[in-house]
Amino acid sequence: LPLVFDDAFAHSDPERVQKLLRMLDLAASRG
């Protein structure tokens, strides 16, 4: 299923953005 994120990272500091990428990698591995 495609999913669009347009604002999910607007209030995240650079360190947290790197951690958020791990969350997106998990989602991608789940389809």
Full PDB file with SEQRES, HELIX, SHEET, SSBOND, CRYST1, ORIGX, SCALE, CONECT and MASTER records, all heavy atoms in Angstrom:
SEQRES   1 A   31  LEU PRO LEU VAL PHE ASP ASP ALA PHE ALA HIS SER ASP          
SEQRES   2 A   31  PRO GLU ARG VAL GLN LYS LEU LEU ARG MET LEU ASP LEU          
SEQRES   3 A   31  ALA ALA SER ARG GLY                                          
HELIX    1 AA1 PRO A   14  SER A   29  1                                  16    
CRYST1    1.000    1.000    1.000  90.00  90.00  90.00 P 1           1          
ORIGX1      1.000000  0.000000  0.000000        0.00000                         
ORIGX2      0.000000  1.000000  0.000000        0.00000                         
ORIGX3      0.000000  0.000000  1.000000        0.00000                         
SCALE1      1.000000  0.000000  0.000000        0.00000                         
SCALE2      0.000000  1.000000  0.000000        0.00000                         
SCALE3      0.000000  0.000000  1.000000        0.00000                         
ATOM      1  N   LEU A   1       0.845  -1.187   0.000  1.00  0.00           N  
ATOM      2  CA  LEU A   1       0.000   0.000   0.000  1.00  0.00           C  
ATOM      3  C   LEU A   1       0.885   1.243   0.000  1.00  0.00           C  
ATOM      4  O   LEU A   1       1.824   1.341   0.783  1.00  0.00           O  
ATOM      5  CB  LEU A   1      -0.883   0.010   1.259  1.00  0.00           C  
ATOM      6  CG  LEU A   1      -1.983   1.030   1.331  1.00  0.00           C  
ATOM      7  CD1 LEU A   1      -3.110   0.685   0.354  1.00  0.00           C  
ATOM      8  CD2 LEU A   1      -2.554   1.081   2.743  1.00  0.00           C  
ATOM      9  N   PRO A   2       0.617   2.201  -0.879  1.00  0.00           N  
ATOM     10  CA  PRO A   2       1.395   3.449  -0.843  1.00  0.00           C  
ATOM     11  C   PRO A   2       0.895   4.344   0.295  1.00  0.00           C  
ATOM     12  O   PRO A   2      -0.261   4.300   0.688  1.00  0.00           O  
ATOM     13  CB  PRO A   2       1.111   4.086  -2.204  1.00  0.00           C  
ATOM     14  CG  PRO A   2      -0.208   3.535  -2.600  1.00  0.00           C  
ATOM     15  CD  PRO A   2      -0.308   2.158  -2.002  1.00  0.00           C  
ATOM     16  N   LEU A   3       1.793   5.158   0.811  1.00  0.00           N  
ATOM     17  CA  LEU A   3       1.472   6.057   1.905  1.00  0.00           C  
ATOM     18  C   LEU A   3       2.240   7.348   1.685  1.00  0.00           C  
ATOM     19  O   LEU A   3       3.418   7.329   1.341  1.00  0.00           O  
ATOM     20  CB  LEU A   3       1.888   5.416   3.236  1.00  0.00           C  
ATOM     21  CG  LEU A   3       1.578   6.139   4.516  1.00  0.00           C  
ATOM     22  CD1 LEU A   3       0.071   6.241   4.726  1.00  0.00           C  
ATOM     23  CD2 LEU A   3       2.195   5.421   5.690  1.00  0.00           C  
ATOM     24  N   VAL A   4       1.579   8.484   1.878  1.00  0.00           N  
ATOM     25  CA  VAL A   4       2.219   9.779   1.682  1.00  0.00           C  
ATOM     26  C   VAL A   4       2.412  10.452   3.036  1.00  0.00           C  
ATOM     27  O   VAL A   4       1.469  10.586   3.814  1.00  0.00           O  
ATOM     28  CB  VAL A   4       1.366  10.692   0.766  1.00  0.00           C  
ATOM     29  CG1 VAL A   4       1.980  12.070   0.662  1.00  0.00           C  
ATOM     30  CG2 VAL A   4       1.190  10.054  -0.599  1.00  0.00           C  
ATOM     31  N   PHE A   5       3.650  10.852   3.309  1.00  0.00           N  
ATOM     32  CA  PHE A   5       3.962  11.635   4.501  1.00  0.00           C  
ATOM     33  C   PHE A   5       4.327  13.032   4.027  1.00  0.00           C  
ATOM     34  O   PHE A   5       5.325  13.228   3.343  1.00  0.00           O  
ATOM     35  CB  PHE A   5       5.170  11.055   5.248  1.00  0.00           C  
ATOM     36  CG  PHE A   5       4.822   9.990   6.218  1.00  0.00           C  
ATOM     37  CD1 PHE A   5       5.039   8.667   5.923  1.00  0.00           C  
ATOM     38  CD2 PHE A   5       4.282  10.310   7.451  1.00  0.00           C  
ATOM     39  CE1 PHE A   5       4.732   7.679   6.824  1.00  0.00           C  
ATOM     40  CE2 PHE A   5       3.969   9.325   8.361  1.00  0.00           C  
ATOM     41  CZ  PHE A   5       4.190   8.012   8.051  1.00  0.00           C  
ATOM     42  N   ASP A   6       3.546  14.014   4.422  1.00  0.00           N  
ATOM     43  CA  ASP A   6       3.866  15.362   3.997  1.00  0.00           C  
ATOM     44  C   ASP A   6       4.322  16.248   5.144  1.00  0.00           C  
ATOM     45  O   ASP A   6       4.949  17.262   4.934  1.00  0.00           O  
ATOM     46  CB  ASP A   6       2.675  15.995   3.282  1.00  0.00           C  
ATOM     47  CG  ASP A   6       1.423  16.004   4.142  1.00  0.00           C  
ATOM     48  OD1 ASP A   6       1.429  15.389   5.222  1.00  0.00           O  
ATOM     49  OD2 ASP A   6       0.439  16.620   3.730  1.00  0.00           O  
ATOM     50  N   ASP A   7       4.025  15.872   6.369  1.00  0.00           N  
ATOM     51  CA  ASP A   7       4.352  16.750   7.486  1.00  0.00           C  
ATOM     52  C   ASP A   7       4.873  16.029   8.715  1.00  0.00           C  
ATOM     53  O   ASP A   7       5.078  16.645   9.743  1.00  0.00           O  
ATOM     54  CB  ASP A   7       3.121  17.552   7.881  1.00  0.00           C  
ATOM     55  CG  ASP A   7       1.988  16.654   8.368  1.00  0.00           C  
ATOM     56  OD1 ASP A   7       2.023  15.440   8.107  1.00  0.00           O  
ATOM     57  OD2 ASP A   7       1.061  17.164   9.002  1.00  0.00           O  
ATOM     58  N   ALA A   8       5.116  14.746   8.612  1.00  0.00           N  
ATOM     59  CA  ALA A   8       5.430  13.953   9.796  1.00  0.00           C  
ATOM     60  C   ALA A   8       6.743  14.337  10.470  1.00  0.00           C  
ATOM     61  O   ALA A   8       6.943  14.040  11.638  1.00  0.00           O  
ATOM     62  CB  ALA A   8       5.455  12.475   9.436  1.00  0.00           C  
ATOM     63  N   PHE A   9       7.653  14.996   9.758  1.00  0.00           N  
ATOM     64  CA  PHE A   9       8.958  15.275  10.323  1.00  0.00           C  
ATOM     65  C   PHE A   9       9.214  16.772  10.537  1.00  0.00           C  
ATOM     66  O   PHE A   9      10.343  17.181  10.798  1.00  0.00           O  
ATOM     67  CB  PHE A   9      10.050  14.694   9.421  1.00  0.00           C  
ATOM     68  CG  PHE A   9       9.800  13.252   9.068  1.00  0.00           C  
ATOM     69  CD1 PHE A   9       9.759  12.854   7.749  1.00  0.00           C  
ATOM     70  CD2 PHE A   9       9.595  12.311  10.047  1.00  0.00           C  
ATOM     71  CE1 PHE A   9       9.526  11.526   7.419  1.00  0.00           C  
ATOM     72  CE2 PHE A   9       9.354  10.984   9.729  1.00  0.00           C  
ATOM     73  CZ  PHE A   9       9.319  10.587   8.417  1.00  0.00           C  
ATOM     74  N   ALA A  10       8.201  17.575  10.455  1.00  0.00           N  
ATOM     75  CA  ALA A  10       8.371  19.031  10.513  1.00  0.00           C  
ATOM     76  C   ALA A  10       8.958  19.504  11.843  1.00  0.00           C  
ATOM     77  O   ALA A  10       9.703  20.472  11.873  1.00  0.00           O  
ATOM     78  CB  ALA A  10       7.040  19.723  10.253  1.00  0.00           C  
ATOM     79  N   HIS A  11       8.649  18.834  12.929  1.00  0.00           N  
ATOM     80  CA  HIS A  11       9.110  19.286  14.242  1.00  0.00           C  
ATOM     81  C   HIS A  11      10.107  18.320  14.859  1.00  0.00           C  
ATOM     82  O   HIS A  11      10.170  18.187  16.083  1.00  0.00           O  
ATOM     83  CB  HIS A  11       7.921  19.475  15.188  1.00  0.00           C  
ATOM     84  CG  HIS A  11       6.967  20.522  14.719  1.00  0.00           C  
ATOM     85  ND1 HIS A  11       7.255  21.868  14.769  1.00  0.00           N  
ATOM     86  CD2 HIS A  11       5.747  20.425  14.153  1.00  0.00           C  
ATOM     87  CE1 HIS A  11       6.253  22.552  14.275  1.00  0.00           C  
ATOM     88  NE2 HIS A  11       5.318  21.699  13.889  1.00  0.00           N  
ATOM     89  N   SER A  12      10.889  17.650  14.023  1.00  0.00           N  
ATOM     90  CA  SER A  12      11.874  16.692  14.507  1.00  0.00           C  
ATOM     91  C   SER A  12      13.278  17.240  14.315  1.00  0.00           C  
ATOM     92  O   SER A  12      13.595  17.792  13.269  1.00  0.00           O  
ATOM     93  CB  SER A  12      11.746  15.368  13.740  1.00  0.00           C  
ATOM     94  OG  SER A  12      10.472  14.809  13.942  1.00  0.00           O  
ATOM     95  N   ASP A  13      14.104  17.066  15.338  1.00  0.00           N  
ATOM     96  CA  ASP A  13      15.488  17.508  15.215  1.00  0.00           C  
ATOM     97  C   ASP A  13      16.261  16.524  14.327  1.00  0.00           C  
ATOM     98  O   ASP A  13      15.775  15.417  14.072  1.00  0.00           O  
ATOM     99  CB  ASP A  13      16.138  17.655  16.589  1.00  0.00           C  
ATOM    100  CG  ASP A  13      16.105  16.363  17.395  1.00  0.00           C  
ATOM    101  OD1 ASP A  13      16.500  15.307  16.852  1.00  0.00           O  
ATOM    102  OD2 ASP A  13      15.700  16.417  18.560  1.00  0.00           O  
ATOM    103  N   PRO A  14      17.433  16.910  13.833  1.00  0.00           N  
ATOM    104  CA  PRO A  14      18.178  16.055  12.894  1.00  0.00           C  
ATOM    105  C   PRO A  14      18.459  14.643  13.430  1.00  0.00           C  
ATOM    106  O   PRO A  14      18.373  13.671  12.683  1.00  0.00           O  
ATOM    107  CB  PRO A  14      19.478  16.830  12.655  1.00  0.00           C  
ATOM    108  CG  PRO A  14      19.104  18.253  12.880  1.00  0.00           C  
ATOM    109  CD  PRO A  14      18.082  18.224  13.993  1.00  0.00           C  
ATOM    110  N   GLU A  15      18.754  14.528  14.718  1.00  0.00           N  
ATOM    111  CA  GLU A  15      19.010  13.198  15.291  1.00  0.00           C  
ATOM    112  C   GLU A  15      17.752  12.340  15.248  1.00  0.00           C  
ATOM    113  O   GLU A  15      17.788  11.164  14.914  1.00  0.00           O  
ATOM    114  CB  GLU A  15      19.496  13.334  16.735  1.00  0.00           C  
ATOM    115  CG  GLU A  15      19.781  11.999  17.397  1.00  0.00           C  
ATOM    116  CD  GLU A  15      20.218  12.166  18.842  1.00  0.00           C  
ATOM    117  OE1 GLU A  15      20.894  13.161  19.168  1.00  0.00           O  
ATOM    118  OE2 GLU A  15      19.857  11.286  19.641  1.00  0.00           O  
ATOM    119  N   ARG A  16      16.619  12.930  15.570  1.00  0.00           N  
ATOM    120  CA  ARG A  16      15.362  12.183  15.572  1.00  0.00           C  
ATOM    121  C   ARG A  16      14.949  11.808  14.154  1.00  0.00           C  
ATOM    122  O   ARG A  16      14.385  10.753  13.919  1.00  0.00           O  
ATOM    123  CB  ARG A  16      14.282  13.007  16.262  1.00  0.00           C  
ATOM    124  CG  ARG A  16      12.969  12.321  16.511  1.00  0.00           C  
ATOM    125  CD  ARG A  16      12.991  11.112  17.439  1.00  0.00           C  
ATOM    126  NE  ARG A  16      13.622  11.297  18.697  1.00  0.00           N  
ATOM    127  CZ  ARG A  16      13.035  11.701  19.820  1.00  0.00           C  
ATOM    128  NH1 ARG A  16      11.771  11.982  19.835  1.00  0.00           N  
ATOM    129  NH2 ARG A  16      13.708  11.819  20.934  1.00  0.00           N  
ATOM    130  N   VAL A  17      15.250  12.649  13.179  1.00  0.00           N  
ATOM    131  CA  VAL A  17      14.930  12.325  11.785  1.00  0.00           C  
ATOM    132  C   VAL A  17      15.637  11.043  11.372  1.00  0.00           C  
ATOM    133  O   VAL A  17      15.052  10.184  10.700  1.00  0.00           O  
ATOM    134  CB  VAL A  17      15.285  13.492  10.836  1.00  0.00           C  
ATOM    135  CG1 VAL A  17      15.219  13.052   9.374  1.00  0.00           C  
ATOM    136  CG2 VAL A  17      14.346  14.665  11.072  1.00  0.00           C  
ATOM    137  N   GLN A  18      16.881  10.864  11.800  1.00  0.00           N  
ATOM    138  CA  GLN A  18      17.601   9.629  11.484  1.00  0.00           C  
ATOM    139  C   GLN A  18      16.889   8.425  12.089  1.00  0.00           C  
ATOM    140  O   GLN A  18      16.801   7.362  11.471  1.00  0.00           O  
ATOM    141  CB  GLN A  18      19.047   9.707  11.987  1.00  0.00           C  
ATOM    142  CG  GLN A  18      19.897  10.711  11.248  1.00  0.00           C  
ATOM    143  CD  GLN A  18      19.947  10.427   9.752  1.00  0.00           C  
ATOM    144  OE1 GLN A  18      20.193   9.302   9.332  1.00  0.00           O  
ATOM    145  NE2 GLN A  18      19.696  11.446   8.964  1.00  0.00           N  
ATOM    146  N   LYS A  19      16.359   8.572  13.283  1.00  0.00           N  
ATOM    147  CA  LYS A  19      15.613   7.485  13.924  1.00  0.00           C  
ATOM    148  C   LYS A  19      14.290   7.247  13.207  1.00  0.00           C  
ATOM    149  O   LYS A  19      13.826   6.117  13.095  1.00  0.00           O  
ATOM    150  CB  LYS A  19      15.398   7.788  15.400  1.00  0.00           C  
ATOM    151  CG  LYS A  19      16.693   7.761  16.185  1.00  0.00           C  
ATOM    152  CD  LYS A  19      16.467   8.127  17.634  1.00  0.00           C  
ATOM    153  CE  LYS A  19      17.785   8.091  18.398  1.00  0.00           C  
ATOM    154  NZ  LYS A  19      17.617   8.407  19.800  1.00  0.00           N  
ATOM    155  N   LEU A  20      13.668   8.309  12.732  1.00  0.00           N  
ATOM    156  CA  LEU A  20      12.416   8.163  11.987  1.00  0.00           C  
ATOM    157  C   LEU A  20      12.641   7.379  10.697  1.00  0.00           C  
ATOM    158  O   LEU A  20      11.763   6.634  10.257  1.00  0.00           O  
ATOM    159  CB  LEU A  20      11.816   9.529  11.678  1.00  0.00           C  
ATOM    160  CG  LEU A  20      11.206  10.246  12.879  1.00  0.00           C  
ATOM    161  CD1 LEU A  20      10.969  11.708  12.561  1.00  0.00           C  
ATOM    162  CD2 LEU A  20       9.928   9.571  13.305  1.00  0.00           C  
ATOM    163  N   LEU A  21      13.808   7.525  10.112  1.00  0.00           N  
ATOM    164  CA  LEU A  21      14.116   6.754   8.900  1.00  0.00           C  
ATOM    165  C   LEU A  21      14.114   5.257   9.195  1.00  0.00           C  
ATOM    166  O   LEU A  21      13.706   4.456   8.352  1.00  0.00           O  
ATOM    167  CB  LEU A  21      15.443   7.202   8.299  1.00  0.00           C  
ATOM    168  CG  LEU A  21      15.441   8.619   7.727  1.00  0.00           C  
ATOM    169  CD1 LEU A  21      16.847   9.004   7.260  1.00  0.00           C  
ATOM    170  CD2 LEU A  21      14.443   8.762   6.602  1.00  0.00           C  
ATOM    171  N   ARG A  22      14.521   4.875  10.404  1.00  0.00           N  
ATOM    172  CA  ARG A  22      14.456   3.461  10.806  1.00  0.00           C  
ATOM    173  C   ARG A  22      13.008   2.983  10.852  1.00  0.00           C  
ATOM    174  O   ARG A  22      12.701   1.860  10.489  1.00  0.00           O  
ATOM    175  CB  ARG A  22      15.118   3.260  12.164  1.00  0.00           C  
ATOM    176  CG  ARG A  22      16.598   3.457  12.139  1.00  0.00           C  
ATOM    177  CD  ARG A  22      17.186   3.158  13.509  1.00  0.00           C  
ATOM    178  NE  ARG A  22      18.367   3.974  13.672  1.00  0.00           N  
ATOM    179  CZ  ARG A  22      18.809   4.435  14.813  1.00  0.00           C  
ATOM    180  NH1 ARG A  22      18.180   4.174  15.934  1.00  0.00           N  
ATOM    181  NH2 ARG A  22      19.889   5.174  14.868  1.00  0.00           N  
ATOM    182  N   MET A  23      12.131   3.860  11.301  1.00  0.00           N  
ATOM    183  CA  MET A  23      10.711   3.525  11.349  1.00  0.00           C  
ATOM    184  C   MET A  23      10.179   3.327   9.931  1.00  0.00           C  
ATOM    185  O   MET A  23       9.435   2.389   9.657  1.00  0.00           O  
ATOM    186  CB  MET A  23       9.939   4.625  12.072  1.00  0.00           C  
ATOM    187  CG  MET A  23       8.485   4.328  12.279  1.00  0.00           C  
ATOM    188  SD  MET A  23       7.646   5.518  13.369  1.00  0.00           S  
ATOM    189  CE  MET A  23       7.738   7.035  12.442  1.00  0.00           C  
ATOM    190  N   LEU A  24      10.578   4.191   9.026  1.00  0.00           N  
ATOM    191  CA  LEU A  24      10.138   4.052   7.628  1.00  0.00           C  
ATOM    192  C   LEU A  24      10.716   2.800   6.975  1.00  0.00           C  
ATOM    193  O   LEU A  24      10.047   2.142   6.183  1.00  0.00           O  
ATOM    194  CB  LEU A  24      10.526   5.298   6.832  1.00  0.00           C  
ATOM    195  CG  LEU A  24       9.813   6.583   7.229  1.00  0.00           C  
ATOM    196  CD1 LEU A  24      10.359   7.754   6.415  1.00  0.00           C  
ATOM    197  CD2 LEU A  24       8.315   6.452   7.068  1.00  0.00           C  
ATOM    198  N   ASP A  25      11.965   2.446   7.327  1.00  0.00           N  
ATOM    199  CA  ASP A  25      12.549   1.205   6.818  1.00  0.00           C  
ATOM    200  C   ASP A  25      11.740  -0.007   7.287  1.00  0.00           C  
ATOM    201  O   ASP A  25      11.503  -0.930   6.508  1.00  0.00           O  
ATOM    202  CB  ASP A  25      14.002   1.049   7.292  1.00  0.00           C  
ATOM    203  CG  ASP A  25      14.962   1.956   6.547  1.00  0.00           C  
ATOM    204  OD1 ASP A  25      14.620   2.412   5.431  1.00  0.00           O  
ATOM    205  OD2 ASP A  25      16.054   2.210   7.078  1.00  0.00           O  
ATOM    206  N   LEU A  26      11.300   0.002   8.517  1.00  0.00           N  
ATOM    207  CA  LEU A  26      10.469  -1.096   9.032  1.00  0.00           C  
ATOM    208  C   LEU A  26       9.168  -1.181   8.235  1.00  0.00           C  
ATOM    209  O   LEU A  26       8.755  -2.263   7.821  1.00  0.00           O  
ATOM    210  CB  LEU A  26      10.161  -0.897  10.515  1.00  0.00           C  
ATOM    211  CG  LEU A  26       9.206  -1.911  11.147  1.00  0.00           C  
ATOM    212  CD1 LEU A  26       9.795  -3.321  11.095  1.00  0.00           C  
ATOM    213  CD2 LEU A  26       8.855  -1.522  12.566  1.00  0.00           C  
ATOM    214  N   ALA A  27       8.548  -0.039   8.001  1.00  0.00           N  
ATOM    215  CA  ALA A  27       7.295  -0.026   7.240  1.00  0.00           C  
ATOM    216  C   ALA A  27       7.516  -0.558   5.839  1.00  0.00           C  
ATOM    217  O   ALA A  27       6.700  -1.328   5.314  1.00  0.00           O  
ATOM    218  CB  ALA A  27       6.715   1.385   7.204  1.00  0.00           C  
ATOM    219  N   ALA A  28       8.601  -0.170   5.196  1.00  0.00           N  
ATOM    220  CA  ALA A  28       8.901  -0.646   3.844  1.00  0.00           C  
ATOM    221  C   ALA A  28       9.115  -2.159   3.841  1.00  0.00           C  
ATOM    222  O   ALA A  28       8.671  -2.854   2.916  1.00  0.00           O  
ATOM    223  CB  ALA A  28      10.117   0.071   3.284  1.00  0.00           C  
ATOM    224  N   SER A  29       9.753  -2.664   4.883  1.00  0.00           N  
ATOM    225  CA  SER A  29       9.973  -4.115   4.940  1.00  0.00           C  
ATOM    226  C   SER A  29       8.659  -4.870   5.141  1.00  0.00           C  
ATOM    227  O   SER A  29       8.583  -6.069   4.865  1.00  0.00           O  
ATOM    228  CB  SER A  29      10.949  -4.462   6.076  1.00  0.00           C  
ATOM    229  OG  SER A  29      10.346  -4.329   7.339  1.00  0.00           O  
ATOM    230  N   ARG A  30       7.625  -4.168   5.582  1.00  0.00           N  
ATOM    231  CA  ARG A  30       6.305  -4.772   5.784  1.00  0.00           C  
ATOM    232  C   ARG A  30       5.359  -4.488   4.634  1.00  0.00           C  
ATOM    233  O   ARG A  30       4.164  -4.689   4.737  1.00  0.00           O  
ATOM    234  CB  ARG A  30       5.706  -4.284   7.093  1.00  0.00           C  
ATOM    235  CG  ARG A  30       6.476  -4.765   8.319  1.00  0.00           C  
ATOM    236  CD  ARG A  30       5.871  -4.232   9.579  1.00  0.00           C  
ATOM    237  NE  ARG A  30       6.489  -4.801  10.751  1.00  0.00           N  
ATOM    238  CZ  ARG A  30       6.229  -4.410  11.970  1.00  0.00           C  
ATOM    239  NH1 ARG A  30       5.353  -3.431  12.203  1.00  0.00           N  
ATOM    240  NH2 ARG A  30       6.833  -4.972  13.001  1.00  0.00           N  
ATOM    241  N   GLY A  31       5.884  -3.976   3.512  1.00  0.00           N  
ATOM    242  CA  GLY A  31       5.078  -3.826   2.306  1.00  0.00           C  
ATOM    243  C   GLY A  31       4.558  -2.449   1.992  1.00  0.00           C  
ATOM    244  O   GLY A  31       3.861  -2.278   1.001  1.00  0.00           O  
TER     245      GLY A  31                                                      
MASTER        0    0    0    1    0    0    0    6  244    1    0    3          
END                                                                             
